Amino acid sequence: MDVLRVLVVLVQSRGHVKLAIIMLLSITVASCGISERSVHESDLDLHFSNPSVIPSFALTKVGALYTGHVYGTFFGNQSLDCVEWEGPFQDGKPHGVFKIYSNCDELQAVISFNHGDKVNGT
């Protein structure tokens, strides 16, 4: 990890321990805001069975069933794009509450799934 190497170099060179600590704290604080949206759609192999925004199935890049929270962006760009949808998967299937957004984080719809089956929502 490049950030870790920079921190080690700063600590090894005298007088830069404070700077290394400040950088580490900054990185920690910045990463707190993305903990809910832990995995971007580009990190998974998503399958769509209908013209829905929400994937019907999620696998890891090595083909294992994915369990965890996922988010997708309008243009597929992880860092510069607005969130289009987010929700949890269990054993590769949508399971729980999914949110669909429009206009960069404006909530458009909430849909609930139970092991891949749509329970309610618009």
N, C-alpha and C. Protein backbone atom coordinates (compact mmCIF):
# COMPACT_ATOMS: atom_id res chain seq x y z
N MET A 1 0.84 -1.17 0.00
CA MET A 1 0.00 0.00 0.00
C MET A 1 0.89 1.24 0.00
N ASP A 2 0.70 2.14 -0.93
CA ASP A 2 1.54 3.31 -1.09
C ASP A 2 1.47 4.26 0.10
N VAL A 3 0.30 4.45 0.67
CA VAL A 3 0.14 5.35 1.80
C VAL A 3 0.94 4.84 2.99
N LEU A 4 0.91 3.54 3.20
CA LEU A 4 1.66 2.95 4.31
C LEU A 4 3.16 3.18 4.13
N ARG A 5 3.65 3.03 2.92
CA ARG A 5 5.08 3.27 2.65
C ARG A 5 5.47 4.71 2.95
N VAL A 6 4.61 5.65 2.55
CA VAL A 6 4.88 7.06 2.81
C VAL A 6 4.95 7.31 4.31
N LEU A 7 4.01 6.72 5.06
CA LEU A 7 4.01 6.91 6.51
C LEU A 7 5.28 6.33 7.15
N VAL A 8 5.71 5.17 6.68
CA VAL A 8 6.93 4.56 7.22
C VAL A 8 8.14 5.44 6.94
N VAL A 9 8.24 5.97 5.73
CA VAL A 9 9.36 6.85 5.38
C VAL A 9 9.34 8.10 6.24
N LEU A 10 8.16 8.67 6.46
CA LEU A 10 8.06 9.87 7.29
C LEU A 10 8.49 9.60 8.73
N VAL A 11 8.09 8.45 9.25
CA VAL A 11 8.47 8.11 10.63
C VAL A 11 9.97 7.85 10.72
N GLN A 12 10.54 7.20 9.72
CA GLN A 12 11.96 6.88 9.74
C GLN A 12 12.83 8.13 9.63
N SER A 13 12.37 9.13 8.91
CA SER A 13 13.14 10.37 8.83
C SER A 13 12.77 11.24 10.03
N ARG A 14 13.75 11.73 10.71
CA ARG A 14 13.55 12.47 11.96
C ARG A 14 12.72 13.73 11.76
N GLY A 15 11.90 13.99 12.76
CA GLY A 15 11.12 15.22 12.76
C GLY A 15 9.81 15.14 11.99
N HIS A 16 9.50 13.99 11.39
CA HIS A 16 8.28 13.89 10.61
C HIS A 16 7.24 12.96 11.24
N VAL A 17 7.44 12.61 12.48
CA VAL A 17 6.50 11.73 13.18
C VAL A 17 5.13 12.41 13.30
N LYS A 18 5.14 13.71 13.64
CA LYS A 18 3.87 14.43 13.77
C LYS A 18 3.12 14.45 12.44
N LEU A 19 3.82 14.67 11.34
CA LEU A 19 3.18 14.69 10.03
C LEU A 19 2.59 13.33 9.69
N ALA A 20 3.31 12.26 10.02
CA ALA A 20 2.82 10.91 9.77
C ALA A 20 1.55 10.64 10.58
N ILE A 21 1.52 11.07 11.82
CA ILE A 21 0.35 10.88 12.67
C ILE A 21 -0.84 11.67 12.11
N ILE A 22 -0.61 12.89 11.69
CA ILE A 22 -1.68 13.71 11.11
C ILE A 22 -2.23 13.07 9.85
N MET A 23 -1.34 12.55 9.00
CA MET A 23 -1.80 11.88 7.78
C MET A 23 -2.62 10.64 8.11
N LEU A 24 -2.17 9.85 9.07
CA LEU A 24 -2.88 8.64 9.45
C LEU A 24 -4.26 8.98 10.01
N LEU A 25 -4.35 9.99 10.85
CA LEU A 25 -5.64 10.41 11.38
C LEU A 25 -6.56 10.92 10.28
N SER A 26 -6.02 11.65 9.32
CA SER A 26 -6.82 12.17 8.20
C SER A 26 -7.39 11.03 7.36
N ILE A 27 -6.57 10.04 7.10
CA ILE A 27 -7.02 8.89 6.32
C ILE A 27 -8.11 8.13 7.07
N THR A 28 -7.94 7.96 8.37
CA THR A 28 -8.93 7.27 9.18
C THR A 28 -10.26 8.00 9.18
N VAL A 29 -10.24 9.30 9.38
CA VAL A 29 -11.47 10.09 9.40
C VAL A 29 -12.13 10.07 8.03
N ALA A 30 -11.37 10.20 6.97
CA ALA A 30 -11.93 10.20 5.62
C ALA A 30 -12.57 8.87 5.26
N SER A 31 -12.02 7.78 5.76
CA SER A 31 -12.58 6.47 5.42
C SER A 31 -13.83 6.15 6.22
N CYS A 32 -14.10 6.86 7.29
CA CYS A 32 -15.30 6.60 8.10
C CYS A 32 -16.58 6.83 7.32
N GLY A 33 -16.60 7.79 6.44
CA GLY A 33 -17.80 8.10 5.69
C GLY A 33 -18.18 7.06 4.66
N ILE A 34 -17.28 6.17 4.27
CA ILE A 34 -17.59 5.18 3.26
C ILE A 34 -17.79 3.79 3.83
N SER A 35 -17.83 3.66 5.14
CA SER A 35 -17.97 2.33 5.71
C SER A 35 -19.31 1.69 5.37
N GLU A 36 -20.38 2.50 5.25
CA GLU A 36 -21.69 1.95 4.92
C GLU A 36 -21.71 1.45 3.48
N ARG A 37 -21.00 2.12 2.59
CA ARG A 37 -20.95 1.74 1.18
C ARG A 37 -19.64 1.02 0.93
N SER A 38 -19.50 -0.14 1.53
CA SER A 38 -18.19 -0.76 1.58
C SER A 38 -17.67 -1.30 0.26
N VAL A 39 -18.51 -1.80 -0.63
CA VAL A 39 -18.01 -2.41 -1.86
C VAL A 39 -18.69 -1.77 -3.06
N HIS A 40 -17.87 -1.28 -3.98
CA HIS A 40 -18.40 -0.68 -5.21
C HIS A 40 -18.73 -1.78 -6.21
N GLU A 41 -19.72 -1.52 -7.04
CA GLU A 41 -20.17 -2.50 -8.04
C GLU A 41 -19.04 -3.01 -8.94
N SER A 42 -18.05 -2.18 -9.20
CA SER A 42 -16.95 -2.59 -10.08
C SER A 42 -16.05 -3.65 -9.45
N ASP A 43 -16.16 -3.84 -8.13
CA ASP A 43 -15.35 -4.85 -7.44
C ASP A 43 -16.01 -6.22 -7.45
N LEU A 44 -17.22 -6.32 -8.03
CA LEU A 44 -17.96 -7.57 -8.04
C LEU A 44 -18.38 -7.93 -9.46
N ASP A 45 -18.86 -9.15 -9.62
CA ASP A 45 -19.45 -9.61 -10.88
C ASP A 45 -20.95 -9.64 -10.65
N LEU A 46 -21.65 -8.61 -11.13
CA LEU A 46 -23.08 -8.48 -10.90
C LEU A 46 -23.87 -8.96 -12.11
N HIS A 47 -25.01 -9.59 -11.84
CA HIS A 47 -25.88 -10.11 -12.89
C HIS A 47 -27.25 -9.45 -12.77
N PHE A 48 -27.83 -9.13 -13.92
CA PHE A 48 -29.15 -8.48 -13.96
C PHE A 48 -30.09 -9.38 -14.73
N SER A 49 -31.27 -9.70 -14.14
CA SER A 49 -32.22 -10.57 -14.82
C SER A 49 -33.36 -9.79 -15.47
N ASN A 50 -33.46 -8.51 -15.17
CA ASN A 50 -34.49 -7.67 -15.77
C ASN A 50 -33.92 -6.26 -15.89
N PRO A 51 -34.67 -5.36 -16.48
CA PRO A 51 -34.12 -4.00 -16.67
C PRO A 51 -34.09 -3.16 -15.39
N SER A 52 -33.90 -3.79 -14.27
CA SER A 52 -33.84 -3.09 -12.99
C SER A 52 -32.44 -2.52 -12.76
N VAL A 53 -32.39 -1.48 -11.94
CA VAL A 53 -31.11 -0.90 -11.53
C VAL A 53 -30.41 -1.84 -10.55
N ILE A 54 -31.18 -2.57 -9.77
CA ILE A 54 -30.63 -3.45 -8.73
C ILE A 54 -30.26 -4.81 -9.33
N PRO A 55 -29.05 -5.25 -9.11
CA PRO A 55 -28.62 -6.56 -9.63
C PRO A 55 -29.42 -7.69 -8.97
N SER A 56 -29.64 -8.75 -9.72
CA SER A 56 -30.37 -9.90 -9.17
C SER A 56 -29.43 -10.92 -8.54
N PHE A 57 -28.11 -10.77 -8.79
CA PHE A 57 -27.16 -11.74 -8.28
C PHE A 57 -25.78 -11.09 -8.19
N ALA A 58 -25.00 -11.43 -7.16
CA ALA A 58 -23.67 -10.84 -6.97
C ALA A 58 -22.65 -11.92 -6.63
N LEU A 59 -21.56 -11.91 -7.39
CA LEU A 59 -20.44 -12.81 -7.14
C LEU A 59 -19.18 -11.99 -6.96
N THR A 60 -18.23 -12.54 -6.23
CA THR A 60 -16.92 -11.91 -6.15
C THR A 60 -16.22 -12.12 -7.49
N LYS A 61 -15.10 -11.46 -7.69
CA LYS A 61 -14.36 -11.60 -8.95
C LYS A 61 -13.80 -13.02 -9.14
N VAL A 62 -13.72 -13.80 -8.05
CA VAL A 62 -13.24 -15.18 -8.18
C VAL A 62 -14.40 -16.18 -8.23
N GLY A 63 -15.64 -15.67 -8.30
CA GLY A 63 -16.81 -16.53 -8.49
C GLY A 63 -17.53 -16.99 -7.24
N ALA A 64 -17.16 -16.50 -6.08
CA ALA A 64 -17.84 -16.89 -4.83
C ALA A 64 -19.09 -16.03 -4.63
N LEU A 65 -20.09 -16.60 -3.98
CA LEU A 65 -21.29 -15.86 -3.64
C LEU A 65 -20.91 -14.71 -2.71
N TYR A 66 -21.43 -13.51 -2.99
CA TYR A 66 -21.06 -12.34 -2.19
C TYR A 66 -22.09 -12.08 -1.10
N THR A 67 -21.62 -11.77 0.09
CA THR A 67 -22.45 -11.33 1.20
C THR A 67 -21.87 -10.03 1.72
N GLY A 68 -22.70 -8.99 1.76
CA GLY A 68 -22.26 -7.70 2.26
C GLY A 68 -22.98 -6.56 1.56
N HIS A 69 -22.63 -5.35 1.95
CA HIS A 69 -23.27 -4.14 1.42
C HIS A 69 -22.57 -3.70 0.14
N VAL A 70 -23.36 -3.33 -0.88
CA VAL A 70 -22.83 -2.93 -2.18
C VAL A 70 -23.49 -1.62 -2.60
N TYR A 71 -22.75 -0.83 -3.36
CA TYR A 71 -23.35 0.36 -3.96
C TYR A 71 -22.93 0.48 -5.41
N GLY A 72 -23.82 1.07 -6.20
CA GLY A 72 -23.53 1.30 -7.60
C GLY A 72 -23.62 2.79 -7.90
N THR A 73 -22.87 3.23 -8.90
CA THR A 73 -22.87 4.64 -9.26
C THR A 73 -23.41 4.80 -10.68
N PHE A 74 -23.84 6.02 -11.00
CA PHE A 74 -24.49 6.26 -12.28
C PHE A 74 -23.63 5.89 -13.47
N PHE A 75 -22.36 6.21 -13.44
CA PHE A 75 -21.50 5.95 -14.58
C PHE A 75 -20.40 4.94 -14.27
N GLY A 76 -20.50 4.26 -13.13
CA GLY A 76 -19.54 3.23 -12.78
C GLY A 76 -18.21 3.71 -12.25
N ASN A 77 -18.11 5.00 -11.96
CA ASN A 77 -16.86 5.55 -11.44
C ASN A 77 -16.93 5.57 -9.92
N GLN A 78 -16.04 4.87 -9.28
CA GLN A 78 -16.08 4.70 -7.83
C GLN A 78 -15.85 5.99 -7.05
N SER A 79 -14.96 6.84 -7.51
CA SER A 79 -14.59 7.98 -6.69
C SER A 79 -15.22 9.30 -7.12
N LEU A 80 -15.58 9.45 -8.37
CA LEU A 80 -16.06 10.75 -8.85
C LEU A 80 -17.54 10.76 -9.19
N ASP A 81 -18.25 9.69 -8.98
CA ASP A 81 -19.62 9.55 -9.44
C ASP A 81 -20.61 9.57 -8.27
N CYS A 82 -21.86 9.82 -8.59
CA CYS A 82 -22.93 9.84 -7.58
C CYS A 82 -23.50 8.43 -7.40
N VAL A 83 -23.93 8.13 -6.18
CA VAL A 83 -24.51 6.83 -5.88
C VAL A 83 -25.88 6.72 -6.55
N GLU A 84 -26.09 5.60 -7.26
CA GLU A 84 -27.36 5.33 -7.93
C GLU A 84 -28.21 4.35 -7.12
N TRP A 85 -27.58 3.39 -6.48
CA TRP A 85 -28.30 2.41 -5.66
C TRP A 85 -27.36 1.86 -4.59
N GLU A 86 -27.96 1.30 -3.54
CA GLU A 86 -27.17 0.64 -2.51
C GLU A 86 -28.05 -0.34 -1.76
N GLY A 87 -27.42 -1.41 -1.27
CA GLY A 87 -28.16 -2.39 -0.50
C GLY A 87 -27.33 -3.62 -0.19
N PRO A 88 -27.86 -4.49 0.68
CA PRO A 88 -27.13 -5.69 1.11
C PRO A 88 -27.43 -6.92 0.27
N PHE A 89 -26.42 -7.77 0.15
CA PHE A 89 -26.57 -9.07 -0.50
C PHE A 89 -26.24 -10.14 0.53
N GLN A 90 -26.95 -11.26 0.42
CA GLN A 90 -26.65 -12.41 1.28
C GLN A 90 -26.59 -13.64 0.38
N ASP A 91 -25.49 -14.34 0.42
CA ASP A 91 -25.27 -15.51 -0.42
C ASP A 91 -25.56 -15.21 -1.89
N GLY A 92 -25.12 -14.04 -2.35
CA GLY A 92 -25.24 -13.67 -3.74
C GLY A 92 -26.56 -13.05 -4.15
N LYS A 93 -27.55 -13.03 -3.26
CA LYS A 93 -28.88 -12.52 -3.61
C LYS A 93 -29.19 -11.24 -2.84
N PRO A 94 -29.96 -10.34 -3.46
CA PRO A 94 -30.40 -9.15 -2.72
C PRO A 94 -31.20 -9.58 -1.49
N HIS A 95 -30.84 -9.01 -0.34
CA HIS A 95 -31.53 -9.40 0.89
C HIS A 95 -31.51 -8.23 1.86
N GLY A 96 -32.67 -7.60 2.03
CA GLY A 96 -32.76 -6.43 2.90
C GLY A 96 -33.27 -5.23 2.12
N VAL A 97 -33.02 -4.06 2.66
CA VAL A 97 -33.53 -2.81 2.08
C VAL A 97 -32.53 -2.22 1.09
N PHE A 98 -32.99 -2.00 -0.13
CA PHE A 98 -32.21 -1.34 -1.17
C PHE A 98 -32.77 0.05 -1.41
N LYS A 99 -31.88 0.99 -1.64
CA LYS A 99 -32.28 2.37 -1.92
C LYS A 99 -31.82 2.74 -3.32
N ILE A 100 -32.71 3.39 -4.07
CA ILE A 100 -32.39 3.87 -5.41
C ILE A 100 -32.43 5.39 -5.36
N TYR A 101 -31.39 6.02 -5.92
CA TYR A 101 -31.25 7.47 -5.88
C TYR A 101 -31.33 8.07 -7.28
N SER A 102 -31.71 9.32 -7.33
CA SER A 102 -31.63 10.11 -8.55
C SER A 102 -31.00 11.45 -8.21
N ASN A 103 -30.46 12.11 -9.18
CA ASN A 103 -29.85 13.43 -8.96
C ASN A 103 -28.85 13.46 -7.82
N CYS A 104 -27.95 12.52 -7.82
CA CYS A 104 -26.86 12.50 -6.83
C CYS A 104 -27.37 12.47 -5.38
N ASP A 105 -27.74 11.33 -4.94
CA ASP A 105 -28.13 11.07 -3.55
C ASP A 105 -29.53 11.55 -3.16
N GLU A 106 -30.39 11.87 -4.11
CA GLU A 106 -31.79 12.19 -3.81
C GLU A 106 -32.56 10.88 -3.85
N LEU A 107 -33.10 10.46 -2.69
CA LEU A 107 -33.78 9.16 -2.60
C LEU A 107 -35.00 9.12 -3.50
N GLN A 108 -35.03 8.11 -4.38
CA GLN A 108 -36.12 7.96 -5.33
C GLN A 108 -37.05 6.81 -4.94
N ALA A 109 -36.49 5.70 -4.46
CA ALA A 109 -37.29 4.53 -4.11
C ALA A 109 -36.59 3.69 -3.07
N VAL A 110 -37.40 2.94 -2.32
CA VAL A 110 -36.90 1.98 -1.34
C VAL A 110 -37.57 0.64 -1.64
N ILE A 111 -36.77 -0.40 -1.80
CA ILE A 111 -37.28 -1.71 -2.16
C ILE A 111 -36.70 -2.74 -1.20
N SER A 112 -37.55 -3.62 -0.68
CA SER A 112 -37.10 -4.67 0.23
C SER A 112 -37.06 -6.02 -0.49
N PHE A 113 -36.00 -6.78 -0.19
CA PHE A 113 -35.83 -8.11 -0.76
C PHE A 113 -35.66 -9.13 0.36
N ASN A 114 -36.12 -10.35 0.09
CA ASN A 114 -35.93 -11.47 1.02
C ASN A 114 -35.32 -12.61 0.21
N HIS A 115 -34.04 -12.83 0.36
CA HIS A 115 -33.31 -13.89 -0.35
C HIS A 115 -33.56 -13.83 -1.86
N GLY A 116 -33.50 -12.63 -2.43
CA GLY A 116 -33.63 -12.44 -3.87
C GLY A 116 -35.02 -12.14 -4.36
N ASP A 117 -36.02 -12.34 -3.51
CA ASP A 117 -37.40 -12.06 -3.91
C ASP A 117 -37.82 -10.68 -3.42
N LYS A 118 -38.43 -9.90 -4.32
CA LYS A 118 -38.90 -8.57 -3.96
C LYS A 118 -40.10 -8.70 -3.02
N VAL A 119 -40.00 -8.06 -1.85
CA VAL A 119 -41.05 -8.13 -0.84
C VAL A 119 -42.00 -6.95 -0.99
N ASN A 120 -41.44 -5.75 -1.10
CA ASN A 120 -42.27 -4.56 -1.31
C ASN A 120 -41.39 -3.41 -1.80
N GLY A 121 -42.05 -2.36 -2.24
CA GLY A 121 -41.33 -1.20 -2.71
C GLY A 121 -41.77 -0.78 -4.10
N THR A 122 -41.26 0.35 -4.51
CA THR A 122 -41.65 0.87 -5.83
C THR A 122 -40.56 0.68 -6.83
